[in-house]
Amino acid sequence: MTRHQAILAAALGLAAAVPAEAASLDAVGLSLGNMGNPFFVQIARGAEAKAKELGGAKVQVTALSADYDLNKQYSQIENFIASGANLIVLNAADPKAIEPAVRRAQAAGVVILAVDVGAAGADATVMTDNGEAGQLACQYIVDKLKGKGKVVIMNGPPVSSVVDRVAGCKAALAKAPGITVLSDSQNGKGTREGGLEVMIGLLTAFDQIDAVFTINDPQAIGADLAAKQLGRTELFITSVDGAPDIEAALKSDTLIEASAAQDPHAMASKAIEIGYDILQGAKPAKTTVLIPAKLVTRDNVGQYKGWQAK
């Protein structure tokens, strides 16, 4: 090694030994599925509470609906970068196609946290254990039907959380050979209106349905409305979320009997915590954090604290 190379190596070694200057937390941007869904409202609240706890009252938090529109989400990320956001909390409209926008933000020095669904290239991901959530909701179906019956899986937007929930559901149903899955491809779009429309079609197509699994609570509410409109009472519905509407549904005269509850407030809070640590120069111990789900039923809903307790 020449003297010049030795000096250069020493300089590089010294630079590597000096920790990066910690960045303050000034602004957080959230690009979420749909702010009309109470789940995403709670994510926004959890993120804002933790951001202000860590960065102080001055931290600006902006939450926007991407409406599962990739182009809209790209524009939101660009705007967050331009406005000086330190952290972006991202509920990806398309977990793979969003990667160029993620890389663009990171190149600008912004930390990207994926919540609820994965996002290629994100610094970390925090989500419900969606496979477990689907399994819990559909094991309830298997147990109530004693392993025999005709079941519908009402699918949703093709994001990782939905894919995992459906996979968990199918794994539970597959253990009961007497269960027949009549349909698993109809997309309720994650909304009450979508659930209503799809369920009307399913009830028209099938004379007998014993149970329905929907990928989230808004679709479950829509499915229940559809069944009432068509006078179908032979079935029951399970879901994922544990949203306030489902708490009310489980306590009243509906066909909804169970929902695997998520904790969106805790999910968002953990994402902000990890992002803040990254800003301080600390690598996360885990780049994927799974929040356990808990099955809420008509029998135990009285003990369920719910999202509003946050």
Protein backbone atom coordinates (compact mmCIF):
# COMPACT_ATOMS: atom_id res chain seq x y z
CA MET A 1 0.00 0.00 0.00
CA THR A 2 1.38 3.42 -0.94
CA ARG A 3 1.56 6.28 1.56
CA HIS A 4 -1.28 8.03 -0.28
CA GLN A 5 -3.45 4.89 -0.11
CA ALA A 6 -2.72 4.49 3.58
CA ILE A 7 -3.75 8.09 4.32
CA LEU A 8 -6.94 7.63 2.28
CA ALA A 9 -7.78 4.38 4.07
CA ALA A 10 -7.23 5.99 7.44
CA ALA A 11 -9.43 8.91 6.49
CA LEU A 12 -12.20 6.60 5.31
CA GLY A 13 -11.94 4.58 8.50
CA LEU A 14 -12.20 7.74 10.60
CA ALA A 15 -15.26 8.88 8.63
CA ALA A 16 -16.92 5.51 9.13
CA ALA A 17 -16.28 5.71 12.86
CA VAL A 18 -18.06 9.08 13.16
CA PRO A 19 -21.82 8.56 13.55
CA ALA A 20 -24.14 10.38 11.17
CA GLU A 21 -25.68 13.55 12.59
CA ALA A 22 -29.12 12.82 14.01
CA ALA A 23 -31.96 14.43 12.09
CA SER A 24 -34.82 16.22 13.81
CA LEU A 25 -38.39 15.14 13.17
CA ASP A 26 -40.15 18.06 11.52
CA ALA A 27 -42.81 16.68 9.21
CA VAL A 28 -44.56 13.36 8.57
CA GLY A 29 -46.62 12.49 5.50
CA LEU A 30 -49.11 9.63 5.38
CA SER A 31 -50.44 8.20 2.12
CA LEU A 32 -53.19 5.79 3.14
CA GLY A 33 -55.80 3.59 1.49
CA ASN A 34 -58.97 5.57 2.17
CA MET A 35 -59.54 8.08 4.98
CA GLY A 36 -63.23 7.22 4.87
CA ASN A 37 -62.29 3.92 6.51
CA PRO A 38 -62.01 4.20 10.34
CA PHE A 39 -58.97 1.91 10.18
CA PHE A 40 -56.93 4.53 8.34
CA VAL A 41 -58.27 7.31 10.56
CA GLN A 42 -56.80 5.43 13.52
CA ILE A 43 -53.49 4.96 11.69
CA ALA A 44 -53.35 8.73 11.18
CA ARG A 45 -54.15 9.37 14.85
CA GLY A 46 -51.57 6.88 16.07
CA ALA A 47 -48.90 8.33 13.81
CA GLU A 48 -49.63 11.90 14.88
CA ALA A 49 -49.63 11.05 18.59
CA LYS A 50 -46.27 9.25 18.43
CA ALA A 51 -44.70 11.87 16.13
CA LYS A 52 -45.57 14.68 18.52
CA GLU A 53 -44.44 12.61 21.50
CA LEU A 54 -41.02 12.09 19.92
CA GLY A 55 -40.55 15.32 17.99
CA GLY A 56 -42.63 17.81 19.94
CA ALA A 57 -45.80 19.74 19.22
CA LYS A 58 -44.16 21.48 16.24
CA VAL A 59 -44.16 18.30 14.12
CA GLN A 60 -46.48 18.63 11.13
CA VAL A 61 -48.47 15.50 10.24
CA THR A 62 -50.40 15.31 6.97
CA ALA A 63 -52.64 12.31 6.17
CA LEU A 64 -54.06 11.81 2.68
CA SER A 65 -56.26 9.22 0.95
CA ALA A 66 -54.53 7.47 -1.94
CA ASP A 67 -57.77 5.59 -2.70
CA TYR A 68 -55.74 2.59 -3.90
CA ASP A 69 -54.66 4.69 -6.89
CA LEU A 70 -50.97 4.21 -7.73
CA ASN A 71 -50.63 7.43 -9.73
CA LYS A 72 -52.28 9.41 -6.97
CA GLN A 73 -49.92 7.89 -4.43
CA TYR A 74 -46.88 8.74 -6.58
CA SER A 75 -48.00 12.38 -6.63
CA GLN A 76 -48.55 12.42 -2.88
CA ILE A 77 -45.06 11.08 -2.23
CA GLU A 78 -43.54 13.68 -4.56
CA ASN A 79 -45.44 16.41 -2.71
CA PHE A 80 -44.29 15.10 0.67
CA ILE A 81 -40.67 15.19 -0.55
CA ALA A 82 -41.07 18.73 -1.87
CA SER A 83 -42.63 19.93 1.38
CA GLY A 84 -39.69 18.64 3.45
CA ALA A 85 -41.14 15.55 5.14
CA ASN A 86 -38.64 13.51 7.19
CA LEU A 87 -40.83 10.41 7.36
CA ILE A 88 -43.45 8.99 5.04
CA VAL A 89 -45.90 6.38 6.30
CA LEU A 90 -47.07 4.44 3.28
CA ASN A 91 -50.03 2.12 2.77
CA ALA A 92 -49.00 1.00 -0.70
CA ALA A 93 -51.61 0.91 -3.45
CA ASP A 94 -49.34 -1.56 -5.26
CA PRO A 95 -46.57 -3.10 -3.11
CA LYS A 96 -44.24 -3.71 -6.07
CA ALA A 97 -45.01 -0.88 -8.47
CA ILE A 98 -44.54 1.72 -5.71
CA GLU A 99 -40.81 0.95 -5.43
CA PRO A 100 -39.54 3.75 -7.76
CA ALA A 101 -41.38 6.32 -5.63
CA VAL A 102 -39.95 4.76 -2.47
CA ARG A 103 -36.41 4.97 -3.90
CA ARG A 104 -36.99 8.56 -5.00
CA ALA A 105 -37.98 9.53 -1.45
CA GLN A 106 -35.03 7.72 0.10
CA ALA A 107 -32.65 9.43 -2.32
CA ALA A 108 -34.02 12.72 -1.00
CA GLY A 109 -33.23 11.63 2.58
CA VAL A 110 -36.75 10.63 3.56
CA VAL A 111 -37.38 7.51 5.66
CA ILE A 112 -40.21 5.31 4.33
CA LEU A 113 -42.30 3.14 6.65
CA ALA A 114 -44.79 0.70 5.16
CA VAL A 115 -47.90 0.03 7.26
CA ASP A 116 -50.65 -2.56 6.91
CA VAL A 117 -49.21 -3.76 3.59
CA GLY A 118 -45.66 -4.23 2.32
CA ALA A 119 -43.90 -1.76 0.01
CA ALA A 120 -40.82 -2.82 -1.95
CA GLY A 121 -37.72 -1.00 -0.75
CA ALA A 122 -39.27 0.46 2.43
CA ASP A 123 -36.94 1.01 5.39
CA ALA A 124 -39.29 -1.04 7.59
CA THR A 125 -42.76 -2.57 7.56
CA VAL A 126 -45.28 -2.75 10.39
CA MET A 127 -48.47 -4.72 9.86
CA THR A 128 -50.98 -7.00 11.47
CA ASP A 129 -50.16 -10.68 11.25
CA ASN A 130 -52.70 -10.88 8.44
CA GLY A 131 -52.28 -14.59 7.86
CA GLU A 132 -53.18 -15.16 11.50
CA ALA A 133 -56.14 -12.77 11.22
CA GLY A 134 -57.60 -14.66 8.25
CA GLN A 135 -56.99 -17.97 9.95
CA LEU A 136 -58.76 -16.89 13.16
CA ALA A 137 -61.82 -15.58 11.31
CA CYS A 138 -62.17 -18.70 9.17
CA GLN A 139 -61.45 -21.17 11.96
CA TYR A 140 -64.51 -19.67 13.62
CA ILE A 141 -66.46 -20.59 10.47
CA VAL A 142 -65.12 -24.15 10.51
CA ASP A 143 -65.94 -24.59 14.18
CA LYS A 144 -69.47 -23.17 13.93
CA LEU A 145 -70.28 -25.25 10.84
CA LYS A 146 -68.70 -28.31 12.46
CA GLY A 147 -66.53 -28.74 9.37
CA LYS A 148 -69.33 -28.94 6.80
CA GLY A 149 -70.92 -26.23 4.69
CA LYS A 150 -70.81 -23.85 1.74
CA VAL A 151 -68.59 -20.82 2.24
CA VAL A 152 -67.86 -17.64 0.31
CA ILE A 153 -64.61 -15.69 0.58
CA MET A 154 -65.22 -12.07 -0.41
CA ASN A 155 -61.84 -10.85 -1.66
CA GLY A 156 -60.58 -7.27 -1.85
CA PRO A 157 -57.89 -4.96 -3.28
CA PRO A 158 -54.83 -6.98 -4.43
CA VAL A 159 -52.47 -5.77 -1.69
CA SER A 160 -50.33 -7.94 0.55
CA SER A 161 -52.54 -7.65 3.64
CA VAL A 162 -55.58 -8.88 1.72
CA VAL A 163 -53.62 -11.66 0.01
CA ASP A 164 -52.34 -12.84 3.39
CA ARG A 165 -55.79 -12.76 5.00
CA VAL A 166 -57.28 -14.83 2.21
CA ALA A 167 -54.38 -17.28 2.40
CA GLY A 168 -54.87 -17.64 6.17
CA CYS A 169 -58.59 -18.18 5.67
CA LYS A 170 -58.04 -20.82 3.01
CA ALA A 171 -55.52 -22.63 5.21
CA ALA A 172 -58.14 -22.90 7.98
CA LEU A 173 -60.90 -24.01 5.61
CA ALA A 174 -58.64 -26.56 3.90
CA LYS A 175 -58.38 -28.52 7.14
CA ALA A 176 -62.10 -29.28 6.89
CA PRO A 177 -62.79 -31.44 3.80
CA GLY A 178 -66.53 -30.93 4.28
CA ILE A 179 -66.23 -27.20 3.55
CA THR A 180 -66.90 -26.11 -0.04
CA VAL A 181 -65.65 -22.69 -1.13
CA LEU A 182 -68.22 -21.37 -3.61
CA SER A 183 -66.34 -18.20 -4.57
CA ASP A 184 -63.05 -16.54 -3.62
CA SER A 185 -62.33 -14.07 -6.44
CA GLN A 186 -64.94 -11.31 -6.10
CA ASN A 187 -63.39 -7.96 -5.13
CA GLY A 188 -65.41 -5.96 -2.61
CA LYS A 189 -62.91 -3.07 -2.97
CA GLY A 190 -62.48 -2.75 0.78
CA THR A 191 -65.67 -0.66 1.08
CA ARG A 192 -69.22 -1.01 2.37
CA GLU A 193 -70.59 -0.19 -1.07
CA GLY A 194 -68.35 -2.79 -2.69
CA GLY A 195 -69.35 -5.41 -0.13
CA LEU A 196 -73.03 -4.68 -0.75
CA GLU A 197 -72.69 -4.94 -4.53
CA VAL A 198 -70.61 -8.14 -4.50
CA MET A 199 -72.81 -9.83 -1.92
CA ILE A 200 -75.97 -9.14 -3.89
CA GLY A 201 -74.32 -10.86 -6.86
CA LEU A 202 -73.21 -13.83 -4.75
CA LEU A 203 -76.61 -14.28 -3.13
CA THR A 204 -78.21 -14.17 -6.56
CA ALA A 205 -75.78 -16.75 -7.91
CA PHE A 206 -76.01 -19.24 -5.00
CA ASP A 207 -79.18 -20.60 -3.45
CA GLN A 208 -77.39 -21.65 -0.28
CA ILE A 209 -74.50 -19.93 1.49
CA ASP A 210 -73.72 -20.99 5.04
CA ALA A 211 -70.95 -18.52 5.89
CA VAL A 212 -69.07 -15.57 4.42
CA PHE A 213 -65.56 -14.33 5.14
CA THR A 214 -64.89 -10.73 4.14
CA ILE A 215 -61.38 -9.24 4.09
CA ASN A 216 -62.36 -6.22 6.18
CA ASP A 217 -65.21 -4.84 8.27
CA PRO A 218 -66.63 -2.33 5.76
CA GLN A 219 -67.20 -5.21 3.32
CA ALA A 220 -68.81 -7.22 6.14
CA ILE A 221 -71.25 -4.38 6.86
CA GLY A 222 -72.10 -4.22 3.15
CA ALA A 223 -72.57 -7.98 2.97
CA ASP A 224 -74.94 -7.89 5.93
CA LEU A 225 -76.99 -5.13 4.30
CA ALA A 226 -77.22 -7.15 1.08
CA ALA A 227 -78.46 -10.24 2.90
CA LYS A 228 -81.12 -8.20 4.66
CA GLN A 229 -82.25 -6.64 1.39
CA LEU A 230 -82.68 -10.07 -0.18
CA GLY A 231 -84.19 -11.68 2.91
CA ARG A 232 -81.38 -14.22 3.33
CA THR A 233 -80.89 -15.27 6.94
CA GLU A 234 -79.33 -18.73 6.63
CA LEU A 235 -75.75 -17.45 6.76
CA PHE A 236 -73.30 -15.72 9.10
CA ILE A 237 -70.33 -13.43 8.42
CA THR A 238 -66.80 -13.12 9.80
CA SER A 239 -64.23 -10.50 9.00
CA VAL A 240 -60.98 -8.70 9.88
CA ASP A 241 -60.51 -5.31 11.59
CA GLY A 242 -62.36 -5.04 14.90
CA ALA A 243 -63.62 -1.59 13.85
CA PRO A 244 -66.17 0.45 15.84
CA ASP A 245 -68.94 -0.44 13.37
CA ILE A 246 -68.30 -4.12 13.97
CA GLU A 247 -68.43 -3.66 17.73
CA ALA A 248 -71.94 -2.26 17.25
CA ALA A 249 -72.85 -5.02 14.78
CA LEU A 250 -71.75 -7.74 17.19
CA LYS A 251 -74.01 -6.25 19.86
CA SER A 252 -77.07 -5.96 17.62
CA ASP A 253 -79.26 -7.99 15.27
CA THR A 254 -76.90 -8.64 12.34
CA LEU A 255 -75.46 -11.69 10.59
CA ILE A 256 -71.92 -10.67 11.60
CA GLU A 257 -70.55 -12.94 14.32
CA ALA A 258 -66.78 -12.40 14.50
CA SER A 259 -63.92 -10.14 13.42
CA ALA A 260 -60.17 -10.65 13.84
CA ALA A 261 -59.22 -7.34 15.43
CA GLN A 262 -56.27 -5.24 14.36
CA ASP A 263 -54.69 -2.39 16.32
CA PRO A 264 -54.07 0.36 13.75
CA HIS A 265 -53.15 2.91 16.41
CA ALA A 266 -50.37 0.68 17.76
CA MET A 267 -49.28 -0.20 14.22
CA ALA A 268 -48.79 3.43 13.27
CA SER A 269 -47.16 4.29 16.57
CA LYS A 270 -44.59 1.52 16.12
CA ALA A 271 -43.87 2.64 12.54
CA ILE A 272 -43.17 6.21 13.67
CA GLU A 273 -40.98 4.93 16.50
CA ILE A 274 -38.88 2.86 14.09
CA GLY A 275 -38.66 5.74 11.63
CA TYR A 276 -37.53 8.14 14.34
CA ASP A 277 -34.81 5.72 15.43
CA ILE A 278 -33.60 5.49 11.83
CA LEU A 279 -33.42 9.28 11.69
CA GLN A 280 -31.24 9.12 14.80
CA GLY A 281 -28.88 6.74 13.00
CA ALA A 282 -30.08 3.48 14.59
CA LYS A 283 -30.88 0.48 12.42
CA PRO A 284 -34.12 -1.32 13.31
CA ALA A 285 -33.72 -4.66 15.08
CA LYS A 286 -36.36 -6.02 12.69
CA THR A 287 -37.36 -4.62 9.32
CA THR A 288 -40.75 -6.36 9.51
CA VAL A 289 -42.86 -6.17 12.66
CA LEU A 290 -46.08 -8.19 12.92
CA ILE A 291 -48.82 -7.09 15.35
CA PRO A 292 -50.90 -10.05 16.63
CA ALA A 293 -54.63 -10.23 15.81
CA LYS A 294 -57.35 -11.11 18.32
CA LEU A 295 -60.73 -12.64 17.47
CA VAL A 296 -63.68 -10.58 18.70
CA THR A 297 -67.02 -12.40 18.81
CA ARG A 298 -70.54 -11.88 20.10
CA ASP A 299 -69.46 -13.72 23.25
CA ASN A 300 -66.43 -11.57 24.11
CA VAL A 301 -67.18 -8.18 22.53
CA GLY A 302 -68.16 -6.83 25.95
CA GLN A 303 -64.54 -7.17 27.08
CA TYR A 304 -63.06 -5.77 23.84
CA LYS A 305 -61.49 -2.32 24.38
CA GLY A 306 -61.58 -1.44 20.70
CA TRP A 307 -60.03 1.32 18.63
CA GLN A 308 -61.85 4.16 20.38
CA ALA A 309 -60.01 3.38 23.61
CA LYS A 310 -56.83 4.87 22.08
